[in-house]
């Protein structure tokens, strides 16, 4: 089956790119991905994609007919998918990943647009049961759950081989709880000599957090590495003692799953789909996105090797149940249904 994928794509990075790369790499189908045509500001990027993606789809279809189009993200990819569906006469699957629902559904006019858009799809999926429930409640659209996956390394370093470092992976933004992570770290920094915090990602509140770290006197122990390579990300996971992910809004929580696969216990919030990934007390610690609660959970990991090892082992077992092969199989079933 030939599948045209409309998605954020390389050289961009992030959860959607990882998701698409993960399941397409182990699927039996042939995929062609249409990403953004150029690096542009968000509004110009969305507008240009609505024009570019259908034209690119027509060009690609000349080398062979596509059996369906799969759009990742409601807008602009899903909107472009509706146009491509009509132009090529093929079914449309739209997969939702989080902010495309949480942000766009905040306003009633946009909810009406999304309801109309998703009603044109032959199948709608979401990366967590939480997100699927939101779609069904807010938009009245039937939505199926297809979780993301992860690849587990055969061996991970034990606690004794790791650095006294905690890591934050994702957009450096308030929605991801980046400020909460910094405040929680600041509460513990003086009590744990050599402990450091690394932010792997970029975002709008990085400047604010840099200033805050200077006011707290911890600037020498906080590093902002920006968007890192896949190799560097794996190194950070496997050599850190904990992941901090105190998100205020989260569709799934791929970074938490990746950390668990590398034996790194995550401290996450109870927001969105995170509790579907992290089982509190078994594969990580789930707390409210408040600095005091995050600091208390992190302190437990830093002071109790027994707890750390139990959560590290439990996280590895939990992550093993989320494979890209399973994701690919679930999409395959949906493809077969809509193609007929």
Protein backbone atom coordinates (compact mmCIF):
# COMPACT_ATOMS: atom_id res chain seq x y z
CA UNK A 1 0.00 0.00 0.00
CA UNK A 2 1.32 3.46 -0.92
CA UNK A 3 0.65 6.05 1.77
CA UNK A 4 1.10 9.80 1.44
CA UNK A 5 1.97 11.29 4.84
CA UNK A 6 1.39 14.98 5.60
CA UNK A 7 3.43 15.90 8.66
CA UNK A 8 6.05 18.02 10.30
CA UNK A 9 9.24 16.42 9.04
CA UNK A 10 13.01 16.60 9.07
CA UNK A 11 15.10 18.63 9.63
CA UNK A 12 12.55 19.60 12.28
CA UNK A 13 12.52 17.57 15.49
CA UNK A 14 10.03 16.72 18.19
CA UNK A 15 7.38 14.21 19.10
CA UNK A 16 5.49 14.21 15.80
CA UNK A 17 8.66 13.69 13.76
CA UNK A 18 9.74 10.86 16.07
CA UNK A 19 6.27 9.30 15.86
CA UNK A 20 6.15 9.33 12.06
CA UNK A 21 9.72 8.10 11.70
CA UNK A 22 9.13 5.37 14.28
CA UNK A 23 6.13 3.61 12.78
CA UNK A 24 7.01 4.14 9.11
CA UNK A 25 10.44 2.56 9.62
CA UNK A 26 8.95 -0.81 10.60
CA UNK A 27 5.83 -0.91 8.42
CA UNK A 28 5.22 -3.01 5.32
CA UNK A 29 3.77 -0.04 3.44
CA UNK A 30 5.55 2.48 1.21
CA UNK A 31 5.47 6.03 2.56
CA UNK A 32 6.16 9.45 1.07
CA UNK A 33 6.25 12.31 3.56
CA UNK A 34 5.37 15.89 2.65
CA UNK A 35 6.81 18.27 5.23
CA UNK A 36 7.02 22.06 5.32
CA UNK A 37 8.56 23.59 2.18
CA UNK A 38 10.83 26.00 4.09
CA UNK A 39 11.66 27.43 7.51
CA UNK A 40 9.11 30.19 7.97
CA UNK A 41 7.31 31.91 10.88
CA UNK A 42 4.34 29.81 12.12
CA UNK A 43 1.56 31.75 10.38
CA UNK A 44 3.36 31.91 7.04
CA UNK A 45 4.38 28.25 7.41
CA UNK A 46 0.78 27.12 7.92
CA UNK A 47 -0.53 29.20 5.03
CA UNK A 48 2.19 28.06 2.65
CA UNK A 49 1.60 24.41 3.57
CA UNK A 50 -2.06 24.60 2.66
CA UNK A 51 -1.00 25.53 -0.87
CA UNK A 52 2.19 23.50 -1.12
CA UNK A 53 1.04 20.10 0.19
CA UNK A 54 -1.79 19.50 -2.35
CA UNK A 55 0.46 20.57 -5.24
CA UNK A 56 3.27 18.33 -4.00
CA UNK A 57 0.80 15.46 -3.61
CA UNK A 58 -0.28 15.81 -7.25
CA UNK A 59 3.34 15.79 -8.41
CA UNK A 60 4.19 12.70 -6.34
CA UNK A 61 1.07 10.87 -7.53
CA UNK A 62 2.40 10.93 -11.11
CA UNK A 63 4.95 8.27 -10.17
CA UNK A 64 2.25 5.95 -8.84
CA UNK A 65 -1.21 6.13 -7.31
CA UNK A 66 -1.48 6.57 -3.55
CA UNK A 67 -3.94 4.36 -1.67
CA UNK A 68 -4.59 6.85 1.12
CA UNK A 69 -3.38 10.04 2.77
CA UNK A 70 -2.41 10.15 6.46
CA UNK A 71 -2.21 13.61 8.06
CA UNK A 72 -0.45 14.08 11.40
CA UNK A 73 -1.84 17.17 13.17
CA UNK A 74 -5.23 18.75 12.67
CA UNK A 75 -3.97 21.99 11.16
CA UNK A 76 -2.55 22.72 8.68
CA UNK A 77 -1.83 19.07 7.82
CA UNK A 78 -5.38 17.82 8.38
CA UNK A 79 -6.86 20.69 6.39
CA UNK A 80 -4.43 20.00 3.54
CA UNK A 81 -5.40 16.33 3.82
CA UNK A 82 -9.03 17.14 3.09
CA UNK A 83 -7.96 18.89 -0.13
CA UNK A 84 -5.65 16.02 -1.11
CA UNK A 85 -8.37 13.47 -0.40
CA UNK A 86 -10.68 15.14 -2.89
CA UNK A 87 -7.94 15.76 -5.45
CA UNK A 88 -6.65 12.18 -5.46
CA UNK A 89 -9.89 10.41 -4.62
CA UNK A 90 -8.39 8.44 -1.72
CA UNK A 91 -9.36 7.95 1.98
CA UNK A 92 -8.02 10.27 4.68
CA UNK A 93 -6.74 9.36 8.16
CA UNK A 94 -6.02 12.24 10.58
CA UNK A 95 -3.88 11.64 13.68
CA UNK A 96 -3.98 14.13 16.55
CA UNK A 97 -1.00 14.65 18.83
CA UNK A 98 -1.94 17.11 21.57
CA UNK A 99 -1.56 20.83 21.04
CA UNK A 100 -3.59 20.64 17.84
CA UNK A 101 -6.54 19.79 20.11
CA UNK A 102 -5.69 21.56 23.36
CA UNK A 103 -4.73 24.89 21.78
CA UNK A 104 -7.04 25.04 18.78
CA UNK A 105 -10.10 23.90 20.71
CA UNK A 106 -9.73 26.75 23.22
CA UNK A 107 -11.95 28.97 21.02
CA UNK A 108 -15.46 28.12 19.87
CA UNK A 109 -14.98 29.30 16.24
CA UNK A 110 -11.93 27.07 15.87
CA UNK A 111 -13.81 24.13 17.38
CA UNK A 112 -16.41 24.50 14.64
CA UNK A 113 -13.66 24.51 12.01
CA UNK A 114 -12.02 21.42 13.49
CA UNK A 115 -15.36 19.61 13.78
CA UNK A 116 -16.02 20.24 10.10
CA UNK A 117 -12.48 19.29 9.11
CA UNK A 118 -12.38 16.02 11.07
CA UNK A 119 -15.84 15.03 9.86
CA UNK A 120 -14.31 14.85 6.36
CA UNK A 121 -11.77 12.23 7.51
CA UNK A 122 -12.44 8.52 7.10
CA UNK A 123 -10.75 7.80 10.45
CA UNK A 124 -9.44 9.98 13.29
CA UNK A 125 -6.85 8.79 15.81
CA UNK A 126 -5.18 10.29 18.89
CA UNK A 127 -2.00 9.35 20.73
CA UNK A 128 -3.72 8.85 24.12
CA UNK A 129 -7.09 7.93 25.57
CA UNK A 130 -7.14 11.31 27.30
CA UNK A 131 -6.79 13.12 23.98
CA UNK A 132 -9.33 10.89 22.24
CA UNK A 133 -11.82 11.64 25.02
CA UNK A 134 -11.24 15.36 24.60
CA UNK A 135 -11.89 15.11 20.87
CA UNK A 136 -15.12 13.18 21.38
CA UNK A 137 -16.39 15.54 24.10
CA UNK A 138 -15.42 18.85 22.48
CA UNK A 139 -15.98 18.01 18.83
CA UNK A 140 -18.37 15.06 18.84
CA UNK A 141 -16.03 13.15 16.53
CA UNK A 142 -15.29 9.44 17.01
CA UNK A 143 -11.60 9.01 17.75
CA UNK A 144 -9.47 5.88 18.14
CA UNK A 145 -6.34 5.57 20.27
CA UNK A 146 -3.01 4.67 18.66
CA UNK A 147 -0.14 5.06 21.12
CA UNK A 148 3.35 5.99 20.09
CA UNK A 149 6.29 3.68 20.67
CA UNK A 150 9.90 3.49 21.68
CA UNK A 151 12.98 1.32 21.09
CA UNK A 152 14.57 -0.15 24.21
CA UNK A 153 18.37 -0.56 24.29
CA UNK A 154 19.59 -3.99 25.36
CA UNK A 155 21.60 -2.62 28.26
CA UNK A 156 21.35 0.55 30.31
CA UNK A 157 23.92 1.88 32.80
CA UNK A 158 23.19 1.16 36.49
CA UNK A 159 22.84 3.97 39.01
CA UNK A 160 26.53 3.75 39.97
CA UNK A 161 27.62 4.62 36.42
CA UNK A 162 25.39 7.67 36.05
CA UNK A 163 26.11 11.34 36.61
CA UNK A 164 24.35 13.43 39.23
CA UNK A 165 22.23 15.01 36.56
CA UNK A 166 18.55 15.46 35.84
CA UNK A 167 17.27 16.24 32.37
CA UNK A 168 14.30 18.10 30.89
CA UNK A 169 13.46 17.10 27.31
CA UNK A 170 11.02 19.05 25.14
CA UNK A 171 9.95 22.58 24.36
CA UNK A 172 11.24 25.02 26.96
CA UNK A 173 7.78 26.43 27.57
CA UNK A 174 5.34 26.95 30.43
CA UNK A 175 2.93 24.42 28.92
CA UNK A 176 5.68 21.81 29.35
CA UNK A 177 6.41 22.92 32.92
CA UNK A 178 9.95 24.11 32.18
CA UNK A 179 9.61 26.79 34.87
CA UNK A 180 8.42 24.21 37.39
CA UNK A 181 11.42 22.00 36.63
CA UNK A 182 13.83 24.88 37.23
CA UNK A 183 12.15 25.95 40.50
CA UNK A 184 12.11 22.36 41.78
CA UNK A 185 15.79 21.93 40.94
CA UNK A 186 16.56 25.21 42.70
CA UNK A 187 14.99 23.88 45.90
CA UNK A 188 17.43 20.95 45.95
CA UNK A 189 20.60 22.32 44.38
CA UNK A 190 22.26 23.39 47.65
CA UNK A 191 21.57 20.03 49.29
CA UNK A 192 23.07 17.84 46.56
CA UNK A 193 26.62 18.74 45.63
CA UNK A 194 27.39 18.37 41.94
CA UNK A 195 23.77 17.96 40.89
CA UNK A 196 23.04 19.60 37.53
CA UNK A 197 20.01 20.23 35.33
CA UNK A 198 20.12 20.03 31.53
CA UNK A 199 17.40 21.44 29.27
CA UNK A 200 17.38 19.58 25.93
CA UNK A 201 15.10 21.62 23.72
CA UNK A 202 14.31 25.21 22.84
CA UNK A 203 11.38 27.48 23.45
CA UNK A 204 10.00 30.88 24.26
CA UNK A 205 10.72 30.99 27.98
CA UNK A 206 14.41 30.06 27.82
CA UNK A 207 15.50 33.65 28.38
CA UNK A 208 13.25 33.97 31.41
CA UNK A 209 14.62 30.73 32.87
CA UNK A 210 18.21 31.84 32.33
CA UNK A 211 17.49 35.02 34.27
CA UNK A 212 15.72 33.05 36.99
CA UNK A 213 18.65 30.66 37.36
CA UNK A 214 20.97 33.64 37.88
CA UNK A 215 18.67 35.08 40.55
CA UNK A 216 18.65 31.70 42.29
CA UNK A 217 22.44 31.49 42.06
CA UNK A 218 22.36 28.16 40.20
CA UNK A 219 23.31 29.36 36.71
CA UNK A 220 26.53 27.34 36.79
CA UNK A 221 24.59 24.14 37.36
CA UNK A 222 21.90 24.64 34.71
CA UNK A 223 22.67 24.07 31.03
CA UNK A 224 20.51 24.94 28.04
CA UNK A 225 21.63 22.73 25.15
CA UNK A 226 18.86 23.61 22.71
CA UNK A 227 17.61 20.98 20.26
CA UNK A 228 20.01 18.05 20.47
CA UNK A 229 20.79 15.19 18.10
CA UNK A 230 19.29 11.75 18.57
CA UNK A 231 22.66 10.42 19.73
CA UNK A 232 23.04 13.16 22.33
CA UNK A 233 19.49 12.61 23.54
CA UNK A 234 20.15 8.91 24.11
CA UNK A 235 23.34 9.81 25.97
CA UNK A 236 21.44 12.21 28.24
CA UNK A 237 18.76 9.63 28.99
CA UNK A 238 21.22 6.84 29.79
CA UNK A 239 23.59 8.89 31.95
CA UNK A 240 21.08 10.96 33.97
CA UNK A 241 19.40 9.92 37.21
CA UNK A 242 15.96 11.33 36.42
CA UNK A 243 13.78 13.02 33.82
CA UNK A 244 11.65 15.99 34.86
CA UNK A 245 8.43 16.40 32.88
CA UNK A 246 6.02 18.49 34.98
CA UNK A 247 3.82 19.44 32.02
CA UNK A 248 0.69 21.53 32.42
CA UNK A 249 -0.58 20.11 29.13
CA UNK A 250 0.53 16.89 27.46
CA UNK A 251 -1.04 14.74 24.75
CA UNK A 252 1.04 11.61 25.32
CA UNK A 253 4.49 12.04 26.90
CA UNK A 254 6.99 10.47 24.50
CA UNK A 255 10.00 11.83 26.41
CA UNK A 256 8.85 10.02 29.56
CA UNK A 257 8.56 6.77 27.59
CA UNK A 258 12.02 7.26 26.06
CA UNK A 259 13.53 7.91 29.50
CA UNK A 260 11.90 4.74 30.89
CA UNK A 261 13.31 2.72 27.99
CA UNK A 262 16.78 3.87 29.06
CA UNK A 263 16.13 2.96 32.70
CA UNK A 264 15.80 6.60 33.78
CA UNK A 265 12.92 7.15 36.22
CA UNK A 266 10.65 10.04 35.16
CA UNK A 267 9.02 12.55 37.47
CA UNK A 268 5.93 13.65 35.55
CA UNK A 269 2.74 15.56 36.17
CA UNK A 270 -0.75 14.13 36.12
CA UNK A 271 -1.62 16.20 33.04
CA UNK A 272 -3.16 14.77 29.89
CA UNK A 273 -1.95 11.36 28.76
CA UNK A 274 1.08 11.14 31.08
CA UNK A 275 -0.59 8.83 33.64
CA UNK A 276 -1.35 6.43 30.77
CA UNK A 277 2.39 6.11 30.18
CA UNK A 278 3.84 6.35 33.70
CA UNK A 279 2.43 4.17 36.48
CA UNK A 280 2.99 6.00 39.76
CA UNK A 281 5.27 4.08 42.07
CA UNK A 282 5.94 1.37 39.48
CA UNK A 283 7.61 2.99 36.50
CA UNK A 284 8.00 6.57 37.69
CA UNK A 285 6.51 9.19 39.97
CA UNK A 286 3.36 11.14 39.07
CA UNK A 287 2.81 14.43 40.93
CA UNK A 288 1.04 17.72 40.46
CA UNK A 289 2.97 20.30 38.37
CA UNK A 290 4.06 22.28 41.44
CA UNK A 291 7.73 22.93 42.32
CA UNK A 292 7.39 21.58 45.86
CA UNK A 293 5.86 18.26 44.75
CA UNK A 294 8.36 17.81 41.93
CA UNK A 295 11.26 18.57 44.29
CA UNK A 296 9.96 16.07 46.86
CA UNK A 297 9.68 13.33 44.23
CA UNK A 298 13.14 14.07 42.84
CA UNK A 299 14.60 14.04 46.34
CA UNK A 300 13.22 10.53 46.86
CA UNK A 301 15.03 9.33 43.74
CA UNK A 302 18.27 11.02 44.82
CA UNK A 303 18.27 9.66 48.37
CA UNK A 304 16.89 6.15 47.93
CA UNK A 305 18.86 3.83 45.62
CA UNK A 306 16.28 1.10 46.29
CA UNK A 307 13.43 3.25 45.00
CA UNK A 308 15.52 4.36 42.03
CA UNK A 309 16.35 0.79 41.01
CA UNK A 310 12.75 -0.39 41.43
CA UNK A 311 11.42 2.42 39.24
CA UNK A 312 14.23 2.00 36.72
CA UNK A 313 13.44 -1.69 36.28
CA UNK A 314 9.69 -1.07 36.28
CA UNK A 315 10.07 1.65 33.69
CA UNK A 316 12.01 -0.65 31.38
CA UNK A 317 9.28 -3.29 31.63
CA UNK A 318 6.58 -0.68 31.01
CA UNK A 319 8.38 0.82 27.99
CA UNK A 320 8.80 -2.61 26.42
CA UNK A 321 5.01 -2.71 25.94
CA UNK A 322 5.10 0.38 23.70
CA UNK A 323 6.76 -0.63 20.43
CA UNK A 324 6.74 1.06 17.04
CA UNK A 325 5.85 -2.31 15.57
CA UNK A 326 2.61 -2.26 17.56
CA UNK A 327 1.92 1.30 16.41
CA UNK A 328 2.49 0.26 12.79
CA UNK A 329 0.15 -2.74 13.17
CA UNK A 330 -2.63 -0.58 14.58
CA UNK A 331 -2.31 1.93 11.74
CA UNK A 332 -2.28 -1.01 9.30
CA UNK A 333 -5.67 -2.19 10.61
CA UNK A 334 -7.10 1.29 10.19
CA UNK A 335 -5.67 1.60 6.69
CA UNK A 336 -7.30 -1.69 5.69
CA UNK A 337 -10.65 -0.55 7.07
CA UNK A 338 -10.75 2.79 5.25
CA UNK A 339 -9.37 1.49 1.95
CA UNK A 340 -11.88 -1.37 1.96
